Amino acid sequence: VSCLSPSLFLFPSRMLGTSRISSNSGRFRDPAPHLAAAGKLMTDPNDHVGNCLKEEVRSVTPPHVKPFRQSANLAPGQHFRHFGKAHDPPVLNDKAFGYSNDYSSTAAQLMYRQQESAFSEKHRMLNVLSYQGGATRKVRLPEATQDPEYKFGIKTKSSQSAKELLFPRNDPFDDPDEHTRQQYIKTHSRYDAGEQKSRGYNWASHGIDPTAFRFGNLDPNFENNGAAKCLKPDDTKSRKTVIVKKGVEDFKDVNSDELGQPRNLGYGERNLPSNTTFGKPNKYDEWGAGRIMMGSYSPSQLQPDDTIGRATRPGFRNTTTAGDPNRVFGVPTLRDDIRRPHNKKVTDIQNYGDEPKVEAVMYPSKYADDLVFEEDFLTVLSKPQMQGLMDLSGIPLSPRSFEAAWAHAADTYGPVSVETFRRALDELAL
């Protein structure tokens, strides 16, 4: 479907059938009548914006595929049917799975983690009655306590801080006498490490020494750490018996998968034989996964191609002829075989062999900041140019020494440059 071009909205005079918008006639002007209108003019009467915005009707799912789609069980008021029973015979409407609830257990009992025993309940009730009986005791307090302004306790001196009460500087128990120690035992049960508690019994009247006497009878089959082993048995010898709620196990039976067994989908007992296999068997042929991966080739097909490693495209075979065995193919990177242009363009990236090497780029000359490069020292100069350069550089050189250095450089190195003239000065020690 093609939509209208924006230019047709800007210049409606270009549209076919301008009589339809005659009310806008004269309100728009084409600023460039000599240019062709953009877009494509559609002459089909059905090709309009309404059809562009109209949604296409989607294809309907085939009836034999619909039972296996998840959307088939999402219709309101429809019975949920597992896709594995799509083609099974229909179940009678009066058949119900599971069992009916007798409502013997309330929601509070199910949500409570552990049922309270009769002993715990009785003990809790006795504690409640003790608090309730204490609230109704008829205790008569002194007359002074009837005053609303009365306060219990002894007023503490304002100069005594809480820090001194919690951490006294002179604690009498740091170096106590026997009387002080007995007071701490009575008020705080502060016994020493390993000290036997004394309840004030008269053991001497019964002929008992509390420091050596032991109550009870000795076990003839005494075993060390017996109580510890009862509280923490050896798991390697016997497994612990764990008691869990039946509702939790029923949930695991339905929600979890069992190894080697089909998943319980809540259909109940269907009285199927133990060797029942669900699904449809696959059709096996001689072309299995292994044969597809390895293939089936003849010995001749497994041999490498004769043209492997060779150029087979005409004009791209780099082969030498009998008369030119040392021929080199390709184009060199440094084109010193061609002349460098007099005015080299900025876009010309070709290296004509006159550019500096990597060493010169990494370690430029110390005169590079003054725009003096290595080739400037090798440029051939005339005698007046060299004489003027020496005068401008401030080198004190007499005319006789200059003539001697110039003659030595010309005879030894040929054309004289700054580098050859400098070497001549060093060799003549001028």
Protein backbone atom coordinates (compact mmCIF):
# COMPACT_ATOMS: atom_id res chain seq x y z
CA VAL A 1 0.00 0.00 0.00
CA SER A 2 1.43 3.41 -0.99
CA CYS A 3 0.73 6.56 1.01
CA LEU A 4 0.52 10.10 -0.28
CA SER A 5 3.65 12.20 -0.65
CA PRO A 6 4.12 15.26 1.58
CA SER A 7 4.59 17.43 -1.51
CA LEU A 8 1.02 16.68 -2.54
CA PHE A 9 -0.20 18.25 0.69
CA LEU A 10 1.96 21.34 0.12
CA PHE A 11 0.97 21.69 -3.54
CA PRO A 12 -2.53 20.25 -3.98
CA SER A 13 -2.71 21.64 -7.51
CA ARG A 14 -0.53 18.75 -8.62
CA MET A 15 -3.01 16.14 -7.41
CA LEU A 16 -5.32 14.41 -9.81
CA GLY A 17 -8.84 15.66 -9.49
CA THR A 18 -8.34 19.15 -8.09
CA SER A 19 -12.06 19.72 -8.15
CA ARG A 20 -12.33 17.77 -4.89
CA ILE A 21 -10.48 20.54 -3.03
CA SER A 22 -11.88 23.49 -4.95
CA SER A 23 -12.54 25.25 -1.65
CA ASN A 24 -8.77 25.68 -1.22
CA SER A 25 -8.25 26.98 -4.72
CA GLY A 26 -5.95 29.99 -4.85
CA ARG A 27 -4.77 29.62 -1.25
CA PHE A 28 -1.57 27.71 -2.14
CA ARG A 29 1.11 28.61 -4.62
CA ASP A 30 3.78 26.39 -6.10
CA PRO A 31 7.08 28.27 -5.60
CA ALA A 32 8.94 25.96 -8.05
CA PRO A 33 6.57 25.02 -10.88
CA HIS A 34 9.49 23.98 -13.10
CA LEU A 35 10.43 21.12 -10.72
CA ALA A 36 8.65 17.76 -10.79
CA ALA A 37 6.55 16.90 -7.79
CA ALA A 38 8.03 14.43 -5.30
CA GLY A 39 6.37 11.10 -4.66
CA LYS A 40 4.23 8.92 -6.86
CA LEU A 41 0.72 9.80 -8.00
CA MET A 42 -1.69 6.97 -7.31
CA THR A 43 -4.76 6.66 -9.53
CA ASP A 44 -6.31 3.71 -7.73
CA PRO A 45 -9.50 4.94 -5.96
CA ASN A 46 -9.01 2.30 -3.21
CA ASP A 47 -5.52 3.55 -2.42
CA HIS A 48 -6.21 6.12 0.32
CA VAL A 49 -5.35 6.82 3.95
CA GLY A 50 -8.36 4.89 5.24
CA ASN A 51 -7.05 1.64 3.78
CA CYS A 52 -3.58 2.38 5.13
CA LEU A 53 -4.91 2.64 8.67
CA LYS A 54 -7.25 -0.33 8.39
CA GLU A 55 -6.02 -3.42 10.25
CA GLU A 56 -5.65 -6.60 8.27
CA VAL A 57 -7.71 -9.59 9.31
CA ARG A 58 -5.49 -12.23 10.85
CA SER A 59 -5.76 -15.83 9.80
CA VAL A 60 -7.68 -18.18 12.06
CA THR A 61 -5.88 -21.01 13.83
CA PRO A 62 -6.69 -24.37 12.19
CA PRO A 63 -9.00 -26.59 14.30
CA HIS A 64 -6.41 -29.40 14.53
CA VAL A 65 -3.78 -26.97 15.92
CA LYS A 66 -5.98 -24.91 18.25
CA PRO A 67 -6.16 -27.50 21.13
CA PHE A 68 -2.37 -27.38 21.45
CA ARG A 69 -2.13 -23.57 21.81
CA GLN A 70 -2.10 -21.90 25.20
CA SER A 71 -4.74 -19.37 24.15
CA ALA A 72 -7.29 -22.18 23.82
CA ASN A 73 -7.45 -22.47 27.64
CA LEU A 74 -7.74 -18.73 28.31
CA ALA A 75 -11.34 -18.27 27.22
CA PRO A 76 -13.62 -17.23 30.14
CA GLY A 77 -15.91 -19.94 31.48
CA GLN A 78 -14.09 -22.71 29.61
CA HIS A 79 -12.75 -25.86 31.26
CA PHE A 80 -8.96 -25.98 31.34
CA ARG A 81 -7.69 -28.95 29.34
CA HIS A 82 -4.08 -30.08 29.24
CA PHE A 83 -2.59 -30.23 25.76
CA GLY A 84 -1.49 -33.80 26.41
CA LYS A 85 -5.18 -34.82 26.49
CA ALA A 86 -6.20 -32.83 23.44
CA HIS A 87 -7.42 -35.86 21.50
CA ASP A 88 -8.50 -38.01 24.47
CA PRO A 89 -12.18 -38.90 24.77
CA PRO A 90 -14.19 -36.33 26.73
CA VAL A 91 -14.54 -36.77 30.49
CA LEU A 92 -18.01 -37.06 31.98
CA ASN A 93 -19.24 -33.87 33.58
CA ASP A 94 -20.11 -35.58 36.85
CA LYS A 95 -16.57 -36.90 37.33
CA ALA A 96 -14.60 -34.90 39.90
CA PHE A 97 -10.91 -35.31 40.71
CA GLY A 98 -9.46 -35.24 44.19
CA TYR A 99 -11.52 -35.65 47.37
CA SER A 100 -14.09 -33.50 49.08
CA ASN A 101 -13.00 -31.43 52.04
CA ASP A 102 -14.66 -32.25 55.37
CA TYR A 103 -13.53 -28.86 56.76
CA SER A 104 -12.19 -30.56 59.88
CA SER A 105 -9.17 -28.20 59.87
CA THR A 106 -9.63 -24.47 60.03
CA ALA A 107 -7.41 -21.93 58.30
CA ALA A 108 -5.87 -20.89 61.63
CA GLN A 109 -4.86 -24.49 62.38
CA LEU A 110 -3.32 -24.92 58.94
CA MET A 111 -1.37 -21.67 59.17
CA TYR A 112 -0.08 -22.45 62.69
CA ARG A 113 3.36 -24.03 62.39
CA GLN A 114 3.04 -26.57 65.22
CA GLN A 115 0.03 -27.73 67.21
CA GLU A 116 0.31 -26.82 70.89
CA SER A 117 0.41 -29.84 73.19
CA ALA A 118 -1.95 -30.31 76.16
CA PHE A 119 0.91 -29.78 78.62
CA SER A 120 1.99 -26.50 76.98
CA GLU A 121 -1.59 -25.26 76.91
CA LYS A 122 -2.11 -26.12 80.59
CA HIS A 123 1.16 -24.45 81.55
CA ARG A 124 0.22 -21.31 79.65
CA MET A 125 -3.21 -21.18 81.32
CA LEU A 126 -1.65 -21.48 84.78
CA ASN A 127 0.63 -18.54 84.01
CA VAL A 128 -2.34 -16.48 82.88
CA LEU A 129 -4.30 -17.32 86.04
CA SER A 130 -1.36 -16.37 88.21
CA TYR A 131 -1.23 -12.90 86.62
CA GLN A 132 -4.99 -12.50 86.89
CA GLY A 133 -4.97 -13.59 90.59
CA GLY A 134 -2.18 -11.12 91.36
CA ALA A 135 -4.23 -8.27 89.98
CA THR A 136 -7.05 -9.06 92.46
CA ARG A 137 -4.92 -9.48 95.59
CA LYS A 138 -6.13 -7.32 98.48
CA VAL A 139 -2.89 -5.69 99.51
CA ARG A 140 -3.11 -2.68 101.87
CA LEU A 141 -0.31 -0.18 101.38
CA PRO A 142 0.71 2.33 104.10
CA GLU A 143 -1.27 5.52 104.48
CA ALA A 144 1.65 7.58 103.25
CA THR A 145 1.44 5.92 99.85
CA GLN A 146 -2.12 7.20 99.34
CA ASP A 147 -0.80 10.69 98.69
CA PRO A 148 -0.77 11.35 94.92
CA GLU A 149 2.59 13.09 95.27
CA TYR A 150 4.17 10.06 97.01
CA LYS A 151 7.10 8.44 95.22
CA PHE A 152 8.75 5.12 96.02
CA GLY A 153 12.45 4.74 96.50
CA ILE A 154 15.16 6.98 97.92
CA LYS A 155 16.05 10.20 96.27
CA THR A 156 19.53 10.10 94.81
CA LYS A 157 21.94 12.92 95.32
CA SER A 158 22.21 15.08 92.27
CA SER A 159 25.98 15.03 92.52
CA GLN A 160 26.14 11.24 92.06
CA SER A 161 26.32 10.44 88.33
CA ALA A 162 25.09 7.34 86.54
CA LYS A 163 28.63 6.59 85.44
CA GLU A 164 29.76 6.21 89.06
CA LEU A 165 26.83 3.89 89.76
CA LEU A 166 27.55 1.66 86.76
CA PHE A 167 31.33 1.75 87.01
CA PRO A 168 32.40 2.79 90.53
CA ARG A 169 35.99 3.79 90.91
CA ASN A 170 36.46 2.10 94.31
CA ASP A 171 34.61 -1.18 93.89
CA PRO A 172 34.60 -3.00 97.26
CA PHE A 173 34.53 -6.33 95.46
CA ASP A 174 37.91 -5.67 93.87
CA ASP A 175 39.53 -6.54 97.21
CA PRO A 176 36.61 -7.84 99.31
CA ASP A 177 36.62 -9.20 102.79
CA GLU A 178 34.55 -12.25 103.73
CA HIS A 179 31.60 -10.17 104.92
CA THR A 180 31.45 -8.17 101.66
CA ARG A 181 31.80 -11.31 99.56
CA GLN A 182 28.87 -12.94 101.35
CA GLN A 183 26.76 -9.85 100.72
CA TYR A 184 27.49 -10.02 96.99
CA ILE A 185 26.62 -13.72 97.00
CA LYS A 186 23.31 -13.00 98.69
CA THR A 187 22.34 -10.02 96.51
CA HIS A 188 23.89 -10.92 93.15
CA SER A 189 24.69 -14.66 93.44
CA ARG A 190 28.25 -13.70 92.63
CA TYR A 191 30.14 -16.93 93.18
CA ASP A 192 33.74 -17.43 92.19
CA ALA A 193 34.71 -19.58 89.26
CA GLY A 194 34.34 -23.25 90.26
CA GLU A 195 32.83 -22.39 93.65
CA GLN A 196 29.97 -24.60 94.86
CA LYS A 197 26.70 -22.85 95.56
CA SER A 198 25.62 -22.98 99.21
CA ARG A 199 21.96 -22.84 100.20
CA GLY A 200 22.64 -22.88 103.94
CA TYR A 201 21.68 -26.51 104.55
CA ASN A 202 22.91 -28.28 107.71
CA TRP A 203 24.73 -31.15 106.03
CA ALA A 204 26.60 -32.10 109.20
CA SER A 205 23.39 -33.30 110.89
CA HIS A 206 23.07 -35.96 108.19
CA GLY A 207 26.75 -36.84 108.06
CA ILE A 208 27.24 -35.43 104.53
CA ASP A 209 30.31 -33.61 103.29
CA PRO A 210 29.03 -31.36 100.43
CA THR A 211 32.50 -31.07 98.91
CA ALA A 212 32.82 -34.83 98.29
CA PHE A 213 29.28 -36.26 98.47
CA ARG A 214 27.42 -37.11 95.23
CA PHE A 215 23.69 -37.71 95.00
CA GLY A 216 22.17 -40.52 92.91
CA ASN A 217 23.38 -43.98 91.95
CA LEU A 218 26.14 -44.90 89.55
CA ASP A 219 25.21 -46.48 86.23
CA PRO A 220 26.82 -49.91 85.95
CA ASN A 221 27.00 -49.46 82.16
CA PHE A 222 28.50 -46.03 82.29
CA GLU A 223 29.31 -44.39 78.95
CA ASN A 224 31.22 -41.18 78.46
CA ASN A 225 29.38 -38.25 76.89
CA GLY A 226 26.08 -40.09 77.04
CA ALA A 227 23.94 -36.96 77.35
CA ALA A 228 25.82 -35.26 74.50
CA LYS A 229 25.26 -38.25 72.23
CA CYS A 230 21.55 -38.28 73.03
CA LEU A 231 21.23 -34.61 72.18
CA LYS A 232 23.43 -34.90 69.09
CA PRO A 233 23.43 -38.45 67.68
CA ASP A 234 25.90 -39.70 65.11
CA ASP A 235 24.33 -39.12 61.70
CA THR A 236 26.68 -41.62 60.04
CA LYS A 237 25.16 -44.54 61.95
CA SER A 238 21.48 -43.68 61.88
CA ARG A 239 19.40 -41.20 59.93
CA LYS A 240 17.18 -38.72 61.65
CA THR A 241 13.44 -39.15 61.45
CA VAL A 242 11.93 -35.94 60.15
CA ILE A 243 8.21 -35.42 60.60
CA VAL A 244 6.64 -32.97 58.15
CA LYS A 245 3.09 -32.00 57.31
CA LYS A 246 1.19 -34.15 54.84
CA GLY A 247 0.06 -31.09 52.91
CA VAL A 248 3.69 -30.21 52.13
CA GLU A 249 4.42 -33.69 50.79
CA ASP A 250 1.23 -33.65 48.72
CA PHE A 251 2.31 -30.34 47.17
CA LYS A 252 5.77 -31.75 46.35
CA ASP A 253 4.15 -34.80 44.78
CA VAL A 254 2.20 -32.63 42.35
CA ASN A 255 4.64 -29.77 41.80
CA SER A 256 7.96 -31.67 41.54
CA ASP A 257 9.21 -34.21 39.03
CA GLU A 258 10.23 -37.69 40.12
CA LEU A 259 13.17 -39.41 38.49
CA GLY A 260 12.05 -42.12 36.08
CA GLN A 261 8.35 -41.47 36.68
CA PRO A 262 5.79 -39.39 34.74
CA ARG A 263 4.75 -36.15 36.32
CA ASN A 264 1.64 -36.17 38.48
CA LEU A 265 -0.83 -33.81 36.79
CA GLY A 266 -3.62 -34.39 39.28
CA TYR A 267 -5.70 -36.76 37.14
CA GLY A 268 -5.90 -39.42 39.82
CA GLU A 269 -5.49 -43.14 39.26
CA ARG A 270 -6.29 -44.14 35.66
CA ASN A 271 -5.46 -47.83 36.12
CA LEU A 272 -2.86 -47.81 33.36
CA PRO A 273 -0.29 -50.62 33.06
CA SER A 274 3.21 -49.92 34.35
CA ASN A 275 4.74 -50.18 30.85
CA THR A 276 2.51 -47.49 29.34
CA THR A 277 4.42 -45.03 27.14
CA PHE A 278 2.91 -41.68 26.25
CA GLY A 279 3.51 -39.86 23.00
CA LYS A 280 4.12 -41.01 19.46
CA PRO A 281 7.21 -43.00 18.46
CA ASN A 282 9.66 -41.38 16.06
CA LYS A 283 10.31 -42.72 12.59
CA TYR A 284 13.92 -43.77 12.33
CA ASP A 285 15.79 -44.11 9.06
CA GLU A 286 19.34 -44.87 8.09
CA TRP A 287 20.32 -41.20 8.13
CA GLY A 288 20.74 -40.58 11.84
CA ALA A 289 22.39 -37.62 13.57
CA GLY A 290 25.83 -39.24 13.42
CA ARG A 291 25.62 -39.90 9.70
CA ILE A 292 24.34 -36.39 9.01
CA MET A 293 27.31 -34.91 10.89
CA MET A 294 29.92 -37.25 9.36
CA GLY A 295 28.42 -37.40 5.89
CA SER A 296 28.67 -40.19 3.31
CA TYR A 297 31.47 -39.48 0.84
CA SER A 298 33.41 -41.69 -1.51
CA PRO A 299 37.23 -41.92 -1.26
CA SER A 300 37.59 -39.80 -4.39
CA GLN A 301 35.39 -37.08 -2.93
CA LEU A 302 37.50 -36.96 0.23
CA GLN A 303 40.66 -36.11 -1.75
CA PRO A 304 41.72 -32.42 -1.82
CA ASP A 305 40.95 -30.40 -4.95
CA ASP A 306 43.63 -30.03 -7.60
CA THR A 307 43.20 -26.26 -7.62
CA ILE A 308 43.62 -25.78 -3.88
CA GLY A 309 46.11 -23.02 -3.13
CA ARG A 310 46.13 -21.82 -6.75
CA ALA A 311 44.58 -18.83 -8.45
CA THR A 312 41.92 -19.95 -10.89
CA ARG A 313 40.68 -16.53 -12.00
CA PRO A 314 42.16 -15.42 -15.36
CA GLY A 315 44.46 -12.42 -15.05
CA PHE A 316 45.15 -13.02 -11.37
CA ARG A 317 47.67 -15.86 -11.65
CA ASN A 318 51.08 -14.69 -10.35
CA THR A 319 53.14 -17.05 -12.44
CA THR A 320 56.51 -16.22 -13.98
CA THR A 321 57.49 -16.99 -17.51
CA ALA A 322 60.50 -18.96 -18.60
CA GLY A 323 62.44 -15.88 -19.63
CA ASP A 324 61.71 -13.82 -16.51
CA PRO A 325 62.13 -16.04 -13.43
CA ASN A 326 63.00 -13.10 -11.08
CA ARG A 327 59.91 -11.08 -11.77
CA VAL A 328 58.42 -9.34 -8.76
CA PHE A 329 54.64 -8.87 -8.64
CA GLY A 330 52.80 -5.99 -7.05
CA VAL A 331 53.57 -2.28 -6.57
CA PRO A 332 56.33 -1.14 -4.18
CA THR A 333 55.44 0.99 -1.20
CA LEU A 334 58.26 3.50 -1.81
CA ARG A 335 57.85 4.81 -5.35
CA ASP A 336 61.38 6.02 -5.94
CA ASP A 337 61.05 4.80 -9.52
CA ILE A 338 58.84 7.74 -10.48
CA ARG A 339 59.47 11.45 -10.22
CA ARG A 340 58.03 13.35 -7.31
CA PRO A 341 55.57 16.08 -8.36
CA HIS A 342 56.91 19.61 -8.10
CA ASN A 343 53.89 20.66 -6.01
CA LYS A 344 52.72 17.68 -4.02
CA LYS A 345 49.04 17.81 -3.11
CA VAL A 346 47.77 17.32 0.40
CA THR A 347 45.64 14.37 -0.75
CA ASP A 348 48.66 12.63 -2.28
CA ILE A 349 49.60 9.93 0.26
CA GLN A 350 52.21 8.28 -1.95
CA ASN A 351 55.72 8.02 -0.49
CA TYR A 352 58.32 8.91 -3.11
CA GLY A 353 61.27 7.90 -0.96
CA ASP A 354 62.00 11.42 0.30
CA GLU A 355 60.06 11.22 3.55
CA PRO A 356 61.78 10.71 6.92
CA LYS A 357 62.08 7.27 8.41
CA VAL A 358 60.43 6.03 11.59
CA GLU A 359 63.53 6.87 13.59
CA ALA A 360 63.35 10.50 12.48
CA VAL A 361 59.68 10.66 13.43
CA MET A 362 60.24 9.15 16.87
CA TYR A 363 63.46 11.06 17.53
CA PRO A 364 63.28 14.32 15.53
CA SER A 365 66.25 16.62 15.08
CA LYS A 366 66.92 19.25 17.70
CA TYR A 367 66.57 21.89 14.99
CA ALA A 368 63.08 20.73 13.98
CA ASP A 369 61.43 23.36 16.17
CA ASP A 370 63.22 26.02 14.02
CA LEU A 371 61.92 24.36 10.80
CA VAL A 372 65.42 23.13 9.94
CA PHE A 373 65.47 19.49 8.83
CA GLU A 374 68.13 16.93 7.89
CA GLU A 375 67.89 17.59 4.16
CA ASP A 376 68.73 21.26 4.76
CA PHE A 377 72.18 20.23 6.03
CA LEU A 378 72.76 18.21 2.84
CA THR A 379 71.69 20.95 0.40
CA VAL A 380 74.55 22.02 -1.92
CA LEU A 381 75.59 25.65 -1.36
CA SER A 382 77.81 27.99 -3.33
CA LYS A 383 80.88 29.64 -1.83
CA PRO A 384 79.19 33.04 -1.29
CA GLN A 385 76.19 31.33 0.33
CA MET A 386 78.45 29.36 2.65
CA GLN A 387 80.48 32.50 3.50
CA GLY A 388 77.26 34.39 4.37
CA LEU A 389 75.97 31.49 6.47
CA MET A 390 79.20 31.41 8.49
CA ASP A 391 79.02 35.15 9.09
CA LEU A 392 75.38 34.98 10.23
CA SER A 393 76.01 32.00 12.54
CA GLY A 394 78.72 33.93 14.44
CA ILE A 395 81.54 31.44 13.83
CA PRO A 396 84.86 33.35 13.93
CA LEU A 397 86.58 32.11 10.72
CA SER A 398 89.28 34.00 8.89
CA PRO A 399 89.27 34.18 5.05
CA ARG A 400 92.35 31.94 4.89
CA SER A 401 90.73 29.28 7.12
CA PHE A 402 87.51 29.47 5.11
CA GLU A 403 89.35 28.89 1.83
CA ALA A 404 91.24 25.93 3.33
CA ALA A 405 88.09 24.30 4.69
CA TRP A 406 86.22 24.87 1.40
CA ALA A 407 89.02 23.31 -0.65
CA HIS A 408 89.26 20.31 1.70
CA ALA A 409 85.51 19.69 1.62
CA ALA A 410 85.37 19.98 -2.20
CA ASP A 411 88.31 17.62 -2.70
CA THR A 412 87.13 15.04 -0.14
CA TYR A 413 83.31 14.97 -0.46
CA GLY A 414 82.57 16.66 -3.78
CA PRO A 415 79.67 19.17 -3.74
CA VAL A 416 79.93 21.28 -0.58
CA SER A 417 77.02 21.40 1.88
CA VAL A 418 76.71 22.46 5.51
CA GLU A 419 77.39 18.86 6.65
CA THR A 420 80.50 18.37 4.48
CA PHE A 421 81.84 21.83 5.40
CA ARG A 422 81.37 21.02 9.11
CA ARG A 423 83.29 17.76 8.67
CA ALA A 424 86.13 19.62 6.93
CA LEU A 425 86.36 22.05 9.85
CA ASP A 426 86.58 19.15 12.31
CA GLU A 427 89.20 17.29 10.27
CA LEU A 428 91.37 20.43 9.88
CA ALA A 429 90.78 21.41 13.51
CA LEU A 430 89.86 24.93 12.53
